[in-house]
Amino acid sequence: MNMGTAHFPAAPKRQENVCLDREKKEDIPIIIALVAAMAPHLPDLPLWITLWCITFWGYMLARVKTGWPLPSLSMRYFFTFIGLAGLLATFRQGIGADAFVGLMALMAAIKPFEMPDHRHRMITLLLTYLMIITSLLRSDALAIMIYMIFSVFVTTTALIRINAPESNMKQRSRLAGTI
């Protein structure tokens, strides 16, 4: 044994880095579920709300790859204020179903920035289910009903993903289809 060189075992990965990576990866299925739930509403929403959602969701997806930081609390308040001001300016004639769906879209775009733990991810998915149900405010066509089933499937798959991260996609899809 050579006494001149010391052999140090590799330092174990820090638990918080592993946890952060897992949390960022859990954001992807949630964003996909939000997009699926919001898709039927997009043609009827003002263009700026659609761009708002695409921008914030795109940032969250890019964050998974790049490690960009989340906006600060003051920036999230600023975004919320700007979104509400824009919503009130857009729907100044009255607050009806269109304004409600617009508000849901604004909340759904900002909510992924506020998912620090499991509880907030669950709240975001419950918001997603509510957005799916609001599709009935717009239309009662058979095509929307079929799409709602697809959207519920996608959201349920995301729900299973964040509650059973060790399961594979085939298992999650089978369970979501059963549920």
Foldseek 3Di string as FASTA:
>chain_A
DDPPDDDDDDDDDDPVVVVVLLVLVLLVLLLVLLCLLCVVVVVVAPPVLVVLLCVLSVVSNVCSVPVDAQDDPVVLVVLVVVQVVVLCVVPVVDDDLRSVLSVLSSCLSSQSSVPPDDVSSVVSLVSSLVSLVSSVVVDDDPVSVVSSLVSQLSSQLSVVCSVPVVDDSVVSSVVSVVD
